[in-house]
Amino acid sequence: MLDVLALIESRKQEFTNLPLFTFMQDQNLHPRERLSFAPCMAHFIMSFSDLNQYVFLEKQPLNKIQCIINQHAYEDEEHWSWYLKDIEKLQLNSNINLTQGLRLVWNEETKITRQITYQIAGYSYQAIPEIKLIVLEALESVGHVFFKISAKVASELRAISNQDYFYFGDAHLRVETGHAMRTPEAEDYVAKIELTHLQRQQAIEIVEKIFQIFTEWTYELLAYAQKHGVESLIENDTEAALMVCT
């Protein structure tokens, strides 16, 4: 397992240097604009609860690895509610009807977001616990990069809005780094898991594909923010000005 974990760490370091994260740290942009891609994330964020409940979780775990996976699934399954609250606080909750909302989630601009969910399900559904665990390890690495940066943006935004942002902010980052699978005992146990040659080859292929699809996702999020970020700021500022005038 150690060589697979080393591969995940290597791909994580490469992932950190992608243009999306440069954009998110650009102090010349309003912090809300740096999170304006949030609506583009909807399908994956909302689907992740289903992945935890119906793909990763096994109600009758047969070994310790599956017990670790189950605990992680329980810890992560409600994060979608934080996301919805942050969408409102970011003033990205546009007054659109159901068909417009469905078009937002299922259009060309958000196709990578949808593919992530399907790929993760494909790798993990009815897979052996060792493979599920590797999928989670890769996802955790991606999440750590993203939330470490988004937490800083949310902190800047809180200084302006005086609101807490639970999904994009420090609270989520603390939860991600405080998972049961991140305890020294659990990490030591995971590192000592032995994979067969075929399992190792499968694990390496899955890790590479997960980082590939998430890399593509960052470009989709960046394109969405660059197209819609400024216009959402203008709309919100206009609405605020009208409210003051009335």
Protein backbone atom coordinates (compact mmCIF):
# COMPACT_ATOMS: atom_id res chain seq x y z
CA MET A 1 0.00 0.00 0.00
CA LEU A 2 2.89 2.38 0.72
CA ASP A 3 3.78 2.87 -2.94
CA VAL A 4 0.15 3.66 -3.78
CA LEU A 5 0.00 6.21 -0.95
CA ALA A 6 3.27 7.71 -2.23
CA LEU A 7 1.72 8.05 -5.70
CA ILE A 8 -1.30 9.83 -4.20
CA GLU A 9 1.01 12.26 -2.39
CA SER A 10 2.96 12.92 -5.58
CA ARG A 11 -0.19 13.62 -7.59
CA LYS A 12 -1.47 15.81 -4.76
CA GLN A 13 1.59 18.05 -5.01
CA GLU A 14 1.06 18.41 -8.77
CA PHE A 15 -2.63 19.13 -8.21
CA THR A 16 -1.77 22.02 -5.87
CA ASN A 17 -0.17 23.95 -8.74
CA LEU A 18 -3.20 24.08 -11.04
CA PRO A 19 -4.50 27.45 -12.34
CA LEU A 20 -7.75 27.27 -10.35
CA PHE A 21 -5.85 27.58 -7.09
CA THR A 22 -3.86 30.53 -8.41
CA PHE A 23 -7.19 32.16 -9.28
CA MET A 24 -8.58 31.43 -5.81
CA GLN A 25 -5.57 33.13 -4.21
CA ASP A 26 -5.63 36.23 -6.45
CA GLN A 27 -5.86 39.15 -4.03
CA ASN A 28 -6.86 41.48 -6.88
CA LEU A 29 -10.23 39.74 -7.07
CA HIS A 30 -13.10 40.05 -4.61
CA PRO A 31 -13.17 36.88 -2.45
CA ARG A 32 -16.75 36.19 -3.50
CA GLU A 33 -15.64 36.17 -7.13
CA ARG A 34 -12.93 33.65 -6.22
CA LEU A 35 -15.68 31.26 -5.04
CA SER A 36 -18.13 32.10 -7.82
CA PHE A 37 -17.69 28.64 -9.35
CA ALA A 38 -19.71 27.18 -6.44
CA PRO A 39 -22.92 26.56 -8.47
CA CYS A 40 -20.89 24.54 -10.99
CA MET A 41 -20.02 22.06 -8.21
CA ALA A 42 -23.64 21.22 -7.40
CA HIS A 43 -24.01 17.78 -8.98
CA PHE A 44 -20.91 16.30 -7.36
CA ILE A 45 -21.43 17.89 -3.94
CA MET A 46 -25.05 16.78 -3.74
CA SER A 47 -24.25 13.31 -5.12
CA PHE A 48 -21.45 12.73 -2.64
CA SER A 49 -23.99 11.97 0.08
CA ASP A 50 -25.39 9.18 -2.11
CA LEU A 51 -21.90 7.86 -2.79
CA ASN A 52 -21.30 7.62 0.94
CA GLN A 53 -24.64 5.98 1.72
CA TYR A 54 -25.03 3.63 -1.24
CA VAL A 55 -21.53 2.98 -2.60
CA PHE A 56 -18.90 3.27 0.14
CA LEU A 57 -20.98 2.17 3.12
CA GLU A 58 -21.51 -1.51 3.94
CA LYS A 59 -23.97 -2.01 6.78
CA GLN A 60 -22.40 -5.33 7.70
CA PRO A 61 -18.64 -4.71 7.43
CA LEU A 62 -16.57 -7.85 7.14
CA ASN A 63 -13.19 -6.42 8.14
CA LYS A 64 -11.43 -3.47 9.76
CA ILE A 65 -10.83 -1.74 6.44
CA GLN A 66 -14.55 -1.58 5.75
CA CYS A 67 -15.14 -0.31 9.30
CA ILE A 68 -12.76 2.58 8.58
CA ILE A 69 -14.61 3.28 5.33
CA ASN A 70 -17.98 3.19 7.09
CA GLN A 71 -16.86 5.67 9.73
CA HIS A 72 -15.61 8.00 7.02
CA ALA A 73 -18.91 7.69 5.13
CA TYR A 74 -20.90 8.59 8.25
CA GLU A 75 -18.67 11.60 8.88
CA ASP A 76 -19.02 12.95 5.33
CA GLU A 77 -22.61 12.21 4.35
CA GLU A 78 -24.20 15.50 5.51
CA HIS A 79 -21.71 18.02 4.10
CA TRP A 80 -24.11 18.87 1.28
CA SER A 81 -26.21 20.91 3.73
CA TRP A 82 -23.21 23.16 4.45
CA TYR A 83 -22.80 23.68 0.72
CA LEU A 84 -26.41 24.84 0.29
CA LYS A 85 -26.07 27.32 3.14
CA ASP A 86 -22.86 28.72 1.66
CA ILE A 87 -24.51 29.13 -1.74
CA GLU A 88 -27.05 31.40 -0.07
CA LYS A 89 -24.43 33.33 1.91
CA LEU A 90 -22.36 33.82 -1.25
CA GLN A 91 -25.48 35.34 -2.84
CA LEU A 92 -25.33 32.78 -5.62
CA ASN A 93 -28.83 31.45 -4.96
CA SER A 94 -30.45 33.01 -8.02
CA ASN A 95 -34.22 33.05 -8.34
CA ILE A 96 -34.49 30.45 -11.09
CA ASN A 97 -37.26 27.95 -11.76
CA LEU A 98 -36.91 24.17 -11.71
CA THR A 99 -36.18 23.73 -15.41
CA GLN A 100 -33.52 26.45 -15.30
CA GLY A 101 -31.96 24.77 -12.28
CA LEU A 102 -31.89 21.42 -14.05
CA ARG A 103 -30.28 23.02 -17.08
CA LEU A 104 -27.59 24.48 -14.82
CA VAL A 105 -26.76 21.07 -13.36
CA TRP A 106 -27.06 19.11 -16.62
CA ASN A 107 -25.49 21.34 -19.25
CA GLU A 108 -22.25 21.39 -21.20
CA GLU A 109 -20.57 23.77 -18.73
CA THR A 110 -20.91 21.27 -15.88
CA LYS A 111 -20.33 17.94 -17.64
CA ILE A 112 -17.07 17.11 -15.80
CA THR A 113 -18.79 17.69 -12.47
CA ARG A 114 -21.30 14.99 -13.35
CA GLN A 115 -18.68 12.59 -14.70
CA ILE A 116 -16.79 12.65 -11.39
CA THR A 117 -19.74 11.12 -9.56
CA TYR A 118 -20.20 8.38 -12.14
CA GLN A 119 -16.51 7.52 -12.26
CA ILE A 120 -16.18 7.29 -8.49
CA ALA A 121 -19.26 5.07 -8.34
CA GLY A 122 -17.82 2.90 -11.10
CA TYR A 123 -14.54 2.39 -9.26
CA SER A 124 -16.14 1.77 -5.89
CA TYR A 125 -19.52 0.04 -6.23
CA GLN A 126 -19.18 -3.54 -4.94
CA ALA A 127 -15.39 -3.16 -4.97
CA ILE A 128 -13.27 -4.82 -2.30
CA PRO A 129 -12.62 -2.62 0.77
CA GLU A 130 -8.97 -2.09 -0.19
CA ILE A 131 -9.97 -0.45 -3.47
CA LYS A 132 -12.70 1.64 -1.84
CA LEU A 133 -10.15 2.85 0.68
CA ILE A 134 -7.73 3.89 -2.06
CA VAL A 135 -10.50 5.85 -3.77
CA LEU A 136 -11.19 7.64 -0.48
CA GLU A 137 -7.49 8.35 0.06
CA ALA A 138 -7.29 9.99 -3.37
CA LEU A 139 -10.47 11.98 -2.74
CA GLU A 140 -9.19 13.13 0.64
CA SER A 141 -5.98 14.40 -0.95
CA VAL A 142 -7.89 16.37 -3.56
CA GLY A 143 -10.21 17.75 -0.89
CA HIS A 144 -7.36 18.80 1.37
CA VAL A 145 -5.79 20.89 -1.40
CA PHE A 146 -9.09 22.55 -2.26
CA PHE A 147 -10.34 23.26 1.26
CA LYS A 148 -6.99 24.51 2.53
CA ILE A 149 -7.20 27.28 -0.07
CA SER A 150 -10.97 27.85 0.03
CA ALA A 151 -10.78 28.27 3.82
CA LYS A 152 -8.46 31.24 3.36
CA VAL A 153 -10.83 32.79 0.83
CA ALA A 154 -13.78 32.22 3.16
CA SER A 155 -11.84 33.86 6.00
CA GLU A 156 -11.29 36.96 3.86
CA LEU A 157 -14.96 36.98 2.94
CA ARG A 158 -16.05 36.63 6.56
CA ALA A 159 -14.11 39.81 7.39
CA ILE A 160 -16.28 41.60 4.81
CA SER A 161 -19.67 39.94 5.31
CA ASN A 162 -19.43 38.95 9.00
CA GLN A 163 -20.79 35.51 8.06
CA ASP A 164 -19.33 32.05 8.57
CA TYR A 165 -18.96 29.75 5.57
CA PHE A 166 -19.12 26.17 6.77
CA TYR A 167 -18.55 24.31 3.50
CA PHE A 168 -15.79 26.46 2.06
CA GLY A 169 -14.38 27.63 5.39
CA ASP A 170 -12.26 26.50 8.32
CA ALA A 171 -14.99 24.28 9.80
CA HIS A 172 -14.93 21.93 6.81
CA LEU A 173 -11.15 21.94 6.66
CA ARG A 174 -10.99 20.92 10.33
CA VAL A 175 -13.43 18.08 9.71
CA GLU A 176 -11.47 16.86 6.68
CA THR A 177 -8.20 16.78 8.60
CA GLY A 178 -9.87 15.27 11.68
CA HIS A 179 -11.39 12.17 10.08
CA ALA A 180 -11.07 8.90 11.97
CA MET A 181 -8.97 7.57 9.07
CA ARG A 182 -6.49 10.40 9.75
CA THR A 183 -5.62 9.25 13.28
CA PRO A 184 -2.05 7.91 13.71
CA GLU A 185 -3.40 4.45 14.51
CA ALA A 186 -5.58 4.33 11.39
CA GLU A 187 -2.85 5.72 9.14
CA ASP A 188 -0.38 3.16 10.45
CA TYR A 189 -2.89 0.37 9.84
CA VAL A 190 -3.62 1.56 6.30
CA ALA A 191 0.08 1.87 5.45
CA LYS A 192 0.61 -1.79 6.40
CA ILE A 193 -2.17 -3.14 4.18
CA GLU A 194 -0.74 -5.54 1.62
CA LEU A 195 -2.10 -5.60 -1.91
CA THR A 196 -1.76 -8.34 -4.47
CA HIS A 197 -0.03 -7.47 -7.74
CA LEU A 198 -3.37 -7.16 -9.54
CA GLN A 199 -4.87 -5.04 -6.75
CA ARG A 200 -1.84 -2.76 -6.83
CA GLN A 201 -2.14 -2.30 -10.61
CA GLN A 202 -5.84 -1.57 -10.27
CA ALA A 203 -5.17 0.89 -7.44
CA ILE A 204 -2.54 2.78 -9.43
CA GLU A 205 -4.85 3.04 -12.45
CA ILE A 206 -7.70 4.35 -10.28
CA VAL A 207 -5.51 6.93 -8.55
CA GLU A 208 -4.26 8.23 -11.89
CA LYS A 209 -7.78 8.48 -13.29
CA ILE A 210 -9.16 10.20 -10.19
CA PHE A 211 -6.51 12.90 -10.32
CA GLN A 212 -7.02 13.21 -14.07
CA ILE A 213 -10.77 13.83 -13.78
CA PHE A 214 -10.35 16.22 -10.86
CA THR A 215 -7.69 18.12 -12.79
CA GLU A 216 -10.16 18.48 -15.66
CA TRP A 217 -12.75 19.60 -13.12
CA THR A 218 -10.58 22.46 -11.89
CA TYR A 219 -10.47 23.83 -15.43
CA GLU A 220 -14.24 23.53 -15.69
CA LEU A 221 -14.68 25.39 -12.39
CA LEU A 222 -12.22 28.08 -13.47
CA ALA A 223 -13.98 28.57 -16.81
CA TYR A 224 -17.32 28.86 -15.01
CA ALA A 225 -15.95 31.45 -12.57
CA GLN A 226 -14.33 33.50 -15.32
CA LYS A 227 -17.57 33.52 -17.32
CA HIS A 228 -20.09 34.06 -14.51
CA GLY A 229 -18.15 35.48 -11.57
CA VAL A 230 -18.12 39.16 -12.48
CA GLU A 231 -21.73 39.18 -13.67
CA SER A 232 -22.92 37.65 -10.38
CA LEU A 233 -21.07 40.35 -8.43
CA ILE A 234 -22.65 43.09 -10.55
CA GLU A 235 -26.13 41.60 -10.13
CA ASN A 236 -25.76 41.31 -6.37
CA ASP A 237 -24.36 44.83 -6.01
CA THR A 238 -27.22 46.19 -8.13
CA GLU A 239 -29.80 44.39 -5.99
CA ALA A 240 -28.18 45.72 -2.82
CA ALA A 241 -28.21 49.28 -4.19
CA LEU A 242 -31.88 48.99 -5.15
CA MET A 243 -32.75 47.76 -1.66
CA VAL A 244 -30.99 50.79 -0.14
CA CYS A 245 -32.83 53.15 -2.48
CA THR A 246 -36.20 51.69 -1.61
